C-alpha atoms as a PDB file:
ATOM      1  CA  CYS A   1      -0.132   0.026   0.028  1.00  0.00           C
ATOM      2  CA  CYS A   2       1.153   3.428  -1.022  1.00  0.00           C
ATOM      3  CA  MET A   3      -0.310   4.783   2.298  1.00  0.00           C
ATOM      4  CA  CYS A   4       1.173   2.568   4.738  1.00  0.00           C
ATOM      5  CA  THR A   5       3.480  -0.380   5.213  1.00  0.00           C
ATOM      6  CA  ARG A   6       0.961  -2.955   4.400  1.00  0.00           C
ATOM      7  CA  ALA A   7       1.673  -5.623   1.546  1.00  0.00           C
ATOM      8  CA  PHE A   8      -0.633  -7.710  -0.385  1.00  0.00           C
ATOM      9  CA  ALA A   9      -0.191 -10.549  -2.894  1.00  0.00           C
ATOM     10  CA  ARG A  10      -3.442 -10.090  -4.676  1.00  0.00           C
ATOM     11  CA  LYS A  11      -4.353  -6.767  -6.379  1.00  0.00           C
ATOM     12  CA  HIS A  12      -8.035  -7.123  -5.297  1.00  0.00           C
ATOM     13  CA  ASP A  13      -7.011  -7.261  -1.611  1.00  0.00           C
ATOM     14  CA  LEU A  14      -4.992  -3.996  -1.876  1.00  0.00           C
ATOM     15  CA  GLN A  15      -7.910  -2.188  -3.783  1.00  0.00           C
ATOM     16  CA  ARG A  16     -10.156  -3.163  -0.874  1.00  0.00           C
ATOM     17  CA  HIS A  17      -7.534  -1.942   1.800  1.00  0.00           C
ATOM     18  CA  VAL A  18      -7.174   1.258  -0.007  1.00  0.00           C
ATOM     19  CA  ARG A  19     -10.808   1.955   0.795  1.00  0.00           C
ATOM     20  CA  VAL A  20      -9.603   2.166   4.492  1.00  0.00           C
ATOM     21  CA  HIS A  21      -7.582   5.273   3.573  1.00  0.00           C
ATOM     22  CA  THR A  22      -9.906   6.937   1.095  1.00  0.00           C
ATOM     23  CA  GLY A  23     -13.163   6.239   2.902  1.00  0.00           C
ATOM     24  CA  ASP A  24     -14.759   5.071  -0.290  1.00  0.00           C
ATOM     25  CA  LYS A  25     -18.038   3.170   0.246  1.00  0.00           C
ATOM     26  CA  PRO A  26     -19.237   2.090  -3.244  1.00  0.00           C
ATOM     27  CA  TYR A  27     -21.482  -0.553  -1.902  1.00  0.00           C
ATOM     28  CA  GLY A  28     -25.044   0.906  -0.743  1.00  0.00           C
ATOM     29  CA  CYS A  29     -28.373  -0.511   0.898  1.00  0.00           C
ATOM     30  CA  LEU A  30     -31.011   0.158  -1.327  1.00  0.00           C
ATOM     31  CA  CYS A  31     -33.418   0.370   1.332  1.00  0.00           C
ATOM     32  CA  CYS A  32     -31.943   2.728   3.763  1.00  0.00           C
ATOM     33  CA  LYS A  33     -29.296   4.179   1.897  1.00  0.00           C
ATOM     34  CA  LYS A  34     -26.417   3.239   4.101  1.00  0.00           C
ATOM     35  CA  ALA A  35     -23.179   2.713   2.487  1.00  0.00           C
ATOM     36  CA  PHE A  36     -20.328   0.176   2.973  1.00  0.00           C
ATOM     37  CA  ALA A  37     -16.818  -0.306   2.072  1.00  0.00           C
ATOM     38  CA  ARG A  38     -17.075  -3.944   1.529  1.00  0.00           C
ATOM     39  CA  THR A  39     -19.724  -6.230  -0.019  1.00  0.00           C
ATOM     40  CA  ASP A  40     -19.318  -8.522   3.080  1.00  0.00           C
ATOM     41  CA  ALA A  41     -20.673  -5.580   5.198  1.00  0.00           C
ATOM     42  CA  LEU A  42     -23.569  -5.047   3.048  1.00  0.00           C
ATOM     43  CA  LYS A  43     -24.672  -8.652   2.969  1.00  0.00           C
ATOM     44  CA  ARG A  44     -24.371  -8.775   6.745  1.00  0.00           C
ATOM     45  CA  HIS A  45     -26.435  -5.702   7.125  1.00  0.00           C
ATOM     46  CA  LEU A  46     -29.096  -7.055   4.726  1.00  0.00           C
ATOM     47  CA  ARG A  47     -29.132 -10.307   7.156  1.00  0.00           C
ATOM     48  CA  MET A  48     -29.501  -8.287  10.235  1.00  0.00           C
ATOM     49  CA  GLU A  49     -31.811  -5.402   9.293  1.00  0.00           C
ATOM     50  CA  GLU A  50     -35.366  -7.069   8.815  1.00  0.00           C
ATOM     51  CA  SER A  51     -36.776  -4.074   7.552  1.00  0.00           C
ATOM     52  CA  CYS A  52     -34.086  -3.585   4.818  1.00  0.00           C
ATOM     53  CA  ARG A  53     -34.131  -7.356   3.796  1.00  0.00           C
ATOM     54  CA  LEU A  54     -37.965  -7.092   3.354  1.00  0.00           C
ATOM     55  CA  SER A  55     -38.172  -3.952   1.547  1.00  0.00           C
ATOM     56  CA  PRO A  56     -39.425  -3.648  -1.833  1.00  0.00           C
ATOM     57  CA  GLU A  57     -36.018  -2.171  -3.352  1.00  0.00           C
ATOM     58  CA  VAL A  58     -34.071  -5.217  -1.842  1.00  0.00           C
ATOM     59  CA  GLN A  59     -36.640  -7.740  -2.969  1.00  0.00           C
ATOM     60  CA  ALA A  60     -36.482  -6.558  -6.640  1.00  0.00           C
ATOM     61  CA  MET A  61     -32.772  -6.707  -6.674  1.00  0.00           C
ATOM     62  CA  LYS A  62     -32.948 -10.366  -5.565  1.00  0.00           C
ATOM     63  CA  CYS A  63     -35.842 -11.345  -8.100  1.00  0.00           C
ATOM     64  CA  ALA A  64     -33.593  -9.551 -10.884  1.00  0.00           C
ATOM     65  CA  GLY A  65     -30.644 -11.539  -9.728  1.00  0.00           C
ATOM     66  CA  LYS A  66     -28.180  -8.816  -8.863  1.00  0.00           C
ATOM     67  CA  ARG A  67     -26.073  -9.224  -5.734  1.00  0.00           C
ATOM     68  CA  ARG A  68     -24.797  -5.946  -4.398  1.00  0.00           C
END
């Protein structure tokens, strides 16, 4: 990483790590508009927040086969 001393074997892992420094949160909940830096955090949010999980926006996304 050019901003700290961390090293990564895979380019994807470095790209994900850089978001720690930039604050970029490209993954958002369609229901509550909360943003996340990682897809696993968004998926965890959707599992835990019943109101978001059952929202029409999220249900439509699931029916369309989009995972985000």
